[in-house]
Amino acid sequence: MSDEDLVYSAQTGRQDAFAVLYERFLPVVYARVRFKIPENDVEDVTQEVFIAVLRSLNNFKGNSKFGTWIRTITNRKIVDYYRSSSAASLEQDDLDTVTTHNPADHRESAINQDELVSVRHALSKLPQNYQDILMMRFVDGLPFNEIARQSGLSLEATKSLFRRSVTALAEKMEEDHG
């Protein structure tokens, strides 16, 4: 069944249809949240996304792809997380938690986390359409044809946007470290 068929079934009260949507989109939502949120809060925010999806499922009218709709909800929950007063005070503590996550190889983990923090910081400075395509490609792991389908762009336009996004990300990272 397509995502939209499952949504329709879920809207008519079939819980098994929502369960299939949940299983289908959990890896994508989890990966996106994990990229943006400190590790110790990933599961909570992911759960909040699916609660919001369940509560607003009847509002889905099919004007966009379901994957686009759930990605929008995910992005909103990530923003909500950072707007909360408790998250604002955790920034340095979260970096410490993330860099000590793998005690067996602390030095390599800290280097990788420093790079990840740099990428996240540079990414946050990009226009939203650049952030979206980079996240769909690298975090969600989508192929270009699926990104094009979900974005409503041609394959050529999608690849061009991706190239511009990668270039802009590299420039932002260079500015930060230059």
C-alpha atoms as a PDB file:
ATOM      1  CA  MET A   1       0.000   0.000   0.000  1.00  0.00           C
ATOM      2  CA  SER A   2       1.135   3.537  -0.668  1.00  0.00           C
ATOM      3  CA  ASP A   3       1.709   5.947   2.193  1.00  0.00           C
ATOM      4  CA  GLU A   4      -1.381   7.893   1.194  1.00  0.00           C
ATOM      5  CA  ASP A   5      -3.544   4.725   1.134  1.00  0.00           C
ATOM      6  CA  LEU A   6      -2.287   3.849   4.600  1.00  0.00           C
ATOM      7  CA  VAL A   7      -3.077   7.364   5.820  1.00  0.00           C
ATOM      8  CA  TYR A   8      -6.619   7.085   4.474  1.00  0.00           C
ATOM      9  CA  SER A   9      -7.030   3.735   6.226  1.00  0.00           C
ATOM     10  CA  ALA A  10      -5.646   5.163   9.456  1.00  0.00           C
ATOM     11  CA  GLN A  11      -7.974   8.148   9.173  1.00  0.00           C
ATOM     12  CA  THR A  12     -10.920   5.757   9.007  1.00  0.00           C
ATOM     13  CA  GLY A  13      -9.825   4.177  12.280  1.00  0.00           C
ATOM     14  CA  ARG A  14      -7.635   1.266  11.218  1.00  0.00           C
ATOM     15  CA  GLN A  15      -4.894   1.139  13.841  1.00  0.00           C
ATOM     16  CA  ASP A  16      -2.946  -1.449  11.871  1.00  0.00           C
ATOM     17  CA  ALA A  17      -2.542   1.092   9.048  1.00  0.00           C
ATOM     18  CA  PHE A  18      -1.027   3.607  11.450  1.00  0.00           C
ATOM     19  CA  ALA A  19       1.255   0.879  12.797  1.00  0.00           C
ATOM     20  CA  VAL A  20       2.548   0.267   9.261  1.00  0.00           C
ATOM     21  CA  LEU A  21       3.146   4.000   8.762  1.00  0.00           C
ATOM     22  CA  TYR A  22       4.943   4.118  12.098  1.00  0.00           C
ATOM     23  CA  GLU A  23       7.224   1.210  11.155  1.00  0.00           C
ATOM     24  CA  ARG A  24       7.840   2.689   7.714  1.00  0.00           C
ATOM     25  CA  PHE A  25       8.767   6.166   8.931  1.00  0.00           C
ATOM     26  CA  LEU A  26      10.382   5.449  12.303  1.00  0.00           C
ATOM     27  CA  PRO A  27      13.903   4.957  10.864  1.00  0.00           C
ATOM     28  CA  VAL A  28      13.677   8.193   8.851  1.00  0.00           C
ATOM     29  CA  VAL A  29      12.301  10.274  11.713  1.00  0.00           C
ATOM     30  CA  TYR A  30      14.736   8.780  14.221  1.00  0.00           C
ATOM     31  CA  ALA A  31      17.749   9.459  11.982  1.00  0.00           C
ATOM     32  CA  ARG A  32      16.702  13.065  11.365  1.00  0.00           C
ATOM     33  CA  VAL A  33      16.051  13.716  15.060  1.00  0.00           C
ATOM     34  CA  ARG A  34      19.298  11.992  16.028  1.00  0.00           C
ATOM     35  CA  PHE A  35      21.243  14.273  13.704  1.00  0.00           C
ATOM     36  CA  LYS A  36      19.739  17.420  15.229  1.00  0.00           C
ATOM     37  CA  ILE A  37      19.081  16.552  18.891  1.00  0.00           C
ATOM     38  CA  PRO A  38      21.475  15.428  21.654  1.00  0.00           C
ATOM     39  CA  GLU A  39      21.490  11.649  22.015  1.00  0.00           C
ATOM     40  CA  ASN A  40      19.818  11.519  25.415  1.00  0.00           C
ATOM     41  CA  ASP A  41      16.668  13.238  24.071  1.00  0.00           C
ATOM     42  CA  VAL A  42      16.349  11.541  20.673  1.00  0.00           C
ATOM     43  CA  GLU A  43      13.817   8.919  21.714  1.00  0.00           C
ATOM     44  CA  ASP A  44      11.612  11.451  23.504  1.00  0.00           C
ATOM     45  CA  VAL A  45      11.541  13.839  20.555  1.00  0.00           C
ATOM     46  CA  THR A  46      10.930  10.960  18.136  1.00  0.00           C
ATOM     47  CA  GLN A  47       7.995   9.884  20.291  1.00  0.00           C
ATOM     48  CA  GLU A  48       6.666  13.458  20.297  1.00  0.00           C
ATOM     49  CA  VAL A  49       6.789  13.461  16.496  1.00  0.00           C
ATOM     50  CA  PHE A  50       4.634  10.360  16.238  1.00  0.00           C
ATOM     51  CA  ILE A  51       2.211  11.610  18.884  1.00  0.00           C
ATOM     52  CA  ALA A  52       1.825  14.800  16.841  1.00  0.00           C
ATOM     53  CA  VAL A  53       1.365  12.754  13.667  1.00  0.00           C
ATOM     54  CA  LEU A  54      -1.332  10.644  15.314  1.00  0.00           C
ATOM     55  CA  ARG A  55      -3.137  13.687  16.708  1.00  0.00           C
ATOM     56  CA  SER A  56      -3.109  15.574  13.415  1.00  0.00           C
ATOM     57  CA  LEU A  57      -3.503  12.656  11.002  1.00  0.00           C
ATOM     58  CA  ASN A  58      -7.074  13.664  10.177  1.00  0.00           C
ATOM     59  CA  ASN A  59      -5.726  17.046   9.033  1.00  0.00           C
ATOM     60  CA  PHE A  60      -3.602  15.412   6.332  1.00  0.00           C
ATOM     61  CA  LYS A  61      -5.413  16.178   3.076  1.00  0.00           C
ATOM     62  CA  GLY A  62      -2.907  14.785   0.610  1.00  0.00           C
ATOM     63  CA  ASN A  63      -1.836  18.190  -0.755  1.00  0.00           C
ATOM     64  CA  SER A  64       1.748  17.002  -0.337  1.00  0.00           C
ATOM     65  CA  LYS A  65       3.385  13.609  -0.010  1.00  0.00           C
ATOM     66  CA  PHE A  66       3.003  12.024   3.403  1.00  0.00           C
ATOM     67  CA  GLY A  67       6.802  11.853   3.710  1.00  0.00           C
ATOM     68  CA  THR A  68       6.997  15.624   3.221  1.00  0.00           C
ATOM     69  CA  TRP A  69       4.242  16.165   5.776  1.00  0.00           C
ATOM     70  CA  ILE A  70       5.889  13.992   8.439  1.00  0.00           C
ATOM     71  CA  ARG A  71       9.275  15.634   7.740  1.00  0.00           C
ATOM     72  CA  THR A  72       7.637  19.027   8.396  1.00  0.00           C
ATOM     73  CA  ILE A  73       6.227  17.783  11.706  1.00  0.00           C
ATOM     74  CA  THR A  74       9.656  16.357  12.605  1.00  0.00           C
ATOM     75  CA  ASN A  75      11.342  19.683  11.864  1.00  0.00           C
ATOM     76  CA  ARG A  76       8.765  21.515  13.985  1.00  0.00           C
ATOM     77  CA  LYS A  77       9.327  19.182  16.927  1.00  0.00           C
ATOM     78  CA  ILE A  78      13.077  19.734  16.625  1.00  0.00           C
ATOM     79  CA  VAL A  79      12.496  23.494  16.705  1.00  0.00           C
ATOM     80  CA  ASP A  80      10.152  23.072  19.679  1.00  0.00           C
ATOM     81  CA  TYR A  81      12.863  21.125  21.476  1.00  0.00           C
ATOM     82  CA  TYR A  82      15.349  23.958  21.099  1.00  0.00           C
ATOM     83  CA  ARG A  83      12.760  26.550  22.076  1.00  0.00           C
ATOM     84  CA  SER A  84      12.124  24.838  25.369  1.00  0.00           C
ATOM     85  CA  SER A  85      13.857  26.415  28.317  1.00  0.00           C
ATOM     86  CA  SER A  86      15.462  23.171  29.419  1.00  0.00           C
ATOM     87  CA  ALA A  87      17.151  22.568  26.074  1.00  0.00           C
ATOM     88  CA  ALA A  88      18.713  26.019  25.928  1.00  0.00           C
ATOM     89  CA  SER A  89      20.760  25.388  29.048  1.00  0.00           C
ATOM     90  CA  LEU A  90      21.940  21.950  27.943  1.00  0.00           C
ATOM     91  CA  GLU A  91      24.065  22.864  24.940  1.00  0.00           C
ATOM     92  CA  GLN A  92      27.523  22.430  26.511  1.00  0.00           C
ATOM     93  CA  ASP A  93      26.419  19.533  28.697  1.00  0.00           C
ATOM     94  CA  ASP A  94      25.080  17.765  25.605  1.00  0.00           C
ATOM     95  CA  LEU A  95      28.373  18.245  23.786  1.00  0.00           C
ATOM     96  CA  ASP A  96      30.172  16.733  26.764  1.00  0.00           C
ATOM     97  CA  THR A  97      27.728  13.811  26.832  1.00  0.00           C
ATOM     98  CA  VAL A  98      28.097  13.172  23.116  1.00  0.00           C
ATOM     99  CA  THR A  99      31.887  13.341  23.143  1.00  0.00           C
ATOM    100  CA  THR A 100      32.118  10.897  26.021  1.00  0.00           C
ATOM    101  CA  HIS A 101      29.525   8.535  24.578  1.00  0.00           C
ATOM    102  CA  ASN A 102      32.169   6.001  23.490  1.00  0.00           C
ATOM    103  CA  PRO A 103      34.670   5.706  26.338  1.00  0.00           C
ATOM    104  CA  ALA A 104      36.616   2.913  24.615  1.00  0.00           C
ATOM    105  CA  ASP A 105      37.754   5.321  21.930  1.00  0.00           C
ATOM    106  CA  HIS A 106      37.306   8.755  23.489  1.00  0.00           C
ATOM    107  CA  ARG A 107      39.853  10.570  21.350  1.00  0.00           C
ATOM    108  CA  GLU A 108      38.420   9.426  18.000  1.00  0.00           C
ATOM    109  CA  SER A 109      34.882   9.965  19.262  1.00  0.00           C
ATOM    110  CA  ALA A 110      35.695  13.511  20.354  1.00  0.00           C
ATOM    111  CA  ILE A 111      37.224  14.305  16.963  1.00  0.00           C
ATOM    112  CA  ASN A 112      34.213  12.896  15.115  1.00  0.00           C
ATOM    113  CA  GLN A 113      31.837  14.785  17.398  1.00  0.00           C
ATOM    114  CA  ASP A 114      33.762  18.022  16.844  1.00  0.00           C
ATOM    115  CA  GLU A 115      33.311  17.507  13.108  1.00  0.00           C
ATOM    116  CA  LEU A 116      29.639  16.732  13.587  1.00  0.00           C
ATOM    117  CA  VAL A 117      29.149  19.871  15.668  1.00  0.00           C
ATOM    118  CA  SER A 118      30.860  21.888  12.911  1.00  0.00           C
ATOM    119  CA  VAL A 119      28.616  20.395  10.252  1.00  0.00           C
ATOM    120  CA  ARG A 120      25.488  20.988  12.337  1.00  0.00           C
ATOM    121  CA  HIS A 121      26.503  24.584  12.998  1.00  0.00           C
ATOM    122  CA  ALA A 122      27.254  25.315   9.336  1.00  0.00           C
ATOM    123  CA  LEU A 123      24.079  23.539   8.230  1.00  0.00           C
ATOM    124  CA  SER A 124      21.968  25.690  10.545  1.00  0.00           C
ATOM    125  CA  LYS A 125      23.208  28.803   8.699  1.00  0.00           C
ATOM    126  CA  LEU A 126      21.981  27.583   5.300  1.00  0.00           C
ATOM    127  CA  PRO A 127      18.611  28.395   3.731  1.00  0.00           C
ATOM    128  CA  GLN A 128      15.913  25.877   4.636  1.00  0.00           C
ATOM    129  CA  ASN A 129      15.729  24.348   1.149  1.00  0.00           C
ATOM    130  CA  TYR A 130      19.476  23.630   1.288  1.00  0.00           C
ATOM    131  CA  GLN A 131      19.132  22.096   4.749  1.00  0.00           C
ATOM    132  CA  ASP A 132      16.219  19.958   3.599  1.00  0.00           C
ATOM    133  CA  ILE A 133      17.951  18.464   0.583  1.00  0.00           C
ATOM    134  CA  LEU A 134      21.161  17.744   2.492  1.00  0.00           C
ATOM    135  CA  MET A 135      19.199  16.107   5.299  1.00  0.00           C
ATOM    136  CA  MET A 136      17.145  14.017   2.852  1.00  0.00           C
ATOM    137  CA  ARG A 137      20.287  12.829   1.083  1.00  0.00           C
ATOM    138  CA  PHE A 138      22.691  12.289   3.979  1.00  0.00           C
ATOM    139  CA  VAL A 139      20.513  11.717   7.042  1.00  0.00           C
ATOM    140  CA  ASP A 140      17.414  10.147   5.517  1.00  0.00           C
ATOM    141  CA  GLY A 141      19.556   8.303   2.948  1.00  0.00           C
ATOM    142  CA  LEU A 142      17.189   8.997   0.079  1.00  0.00           C
ATOM    143  CA  PRO A 143      18.289   8.597  -3.545  1.00  0.00           C
ATOM    144  CA  PHE A 144      17.994  11.631  -5.817  1.00  0.00           C
ATOM    145  CA  ASN A 145      14.933  10.314  -7.646  1.00  0.00           C
ATOM    146  CA  GLU A 146      13.038   9.956  -4.335  1.00  0.00           C
ATOM    147  CA  ILE A 147      14.153  13.421  -3.185  1.00  0.00           C
ATOM    148  CA  ALA A 148      12.908  14.803  -6.506  1.00  0.00           C
ATOM    149  CA  ARG A 149       9.589  12.985  -6.116  1.00  0.00           C
ATOM    150  CA  GLN A 150       9.062  14.194  -2.553  1.00  0.00           C
ATOM    151  CA  SER A 151      10.163  17.743  -3.359  1.00  0.00           C
ATOM    152  CA  GLY A 152       8.149  18.056  -6.544  1.00  0.00           C
ATOM    153  CA  LEU A 153      11.270  18.963  -8.512  1.00  0.00           C
ATOM    154  CA  SER A 154      12.747  17.429 -11.623  1.00  0.00           C
ATOM    155  CA  LEU A 155      15.685  15.093 -11.141  1.00  0.00           C
ATOM    156  CA  GLU A 156      18.010  17.636 -12.783  1.00  0.00           C
ATOM    157  CA  ALA A 157      16.758  20.457 -10.547  1.00  0.00           C
ATOM    158  CA  THR A 158      17.188  18.239  -7.496  1.00  0.00           C
ATOM    159  CA  LYS A 159      20.784  17.406  -8.384  1.00  0.00           C
ATOM    160  CA  SER A 160      21.532  21.051  -9.106  1.00  0.00           C
ATOM    161  CA  LEU A 161      20.041  22.116  -5.761  1.00  0.00           C
ATOM    162  CA  PHE A 162      22.063  19.412  -4.040  1.00  0.00           C
ATOM    163  CA  ARG A 163      25.324  20.620  -5.634  1.00  0.00           C
ATOM    164  CA  ARG A 164      24.596  24.214  -4.625  1.00  0.00           C
ATOM    165  CA  SER A 165      23.758  23.049  -1.110  1.00  0.00           C
ATOM    166  CA  VAL A 166      26.981  21.074  -0.729  1.00  0.00           C
ATOM    167  CA  THR A 167      28.987  24.047  -2.015  1.00  0.00           C
ATOM    168  CA  ALA A 168      27.222  26.416   0.394  1.00  0.00           C
ATOM    169  CA  LEU A 169      27.795  24.020   3.296  1.00  0.00           C
ATOM    170  CA  ALA A 170      31.499  23.773   2.465  1.00  0.00           C
ATOM    171  CA  GLU A 171      31.741  27.571   2.290  1.00  0.00           C
ATOM    172  CA  LYS A 172      30.021  27.985   5.669  1.00  0.00           C
ATOM    173  CA  MET A 173      32.342  25.427   7.221  1.00  0.00           C
ATOM    174  CA  GLU A 174      35.345  27.219   5.739  1.00  0.00           C
ATOM    175  CA  GLU A 175      34.098  30.538   7.160  1.00  0.00           C
ATOM    176  CA  ASP A 176      33.737  28.958  10.581  1.00  0.00           C
ATOM    177  CA  HIS A 177      37.235  27.492  10.515  1.00  0.00           C
ATOM    178  CA  GLY A 178      38.995  29.979   8.241  1.00  0.00           C
END
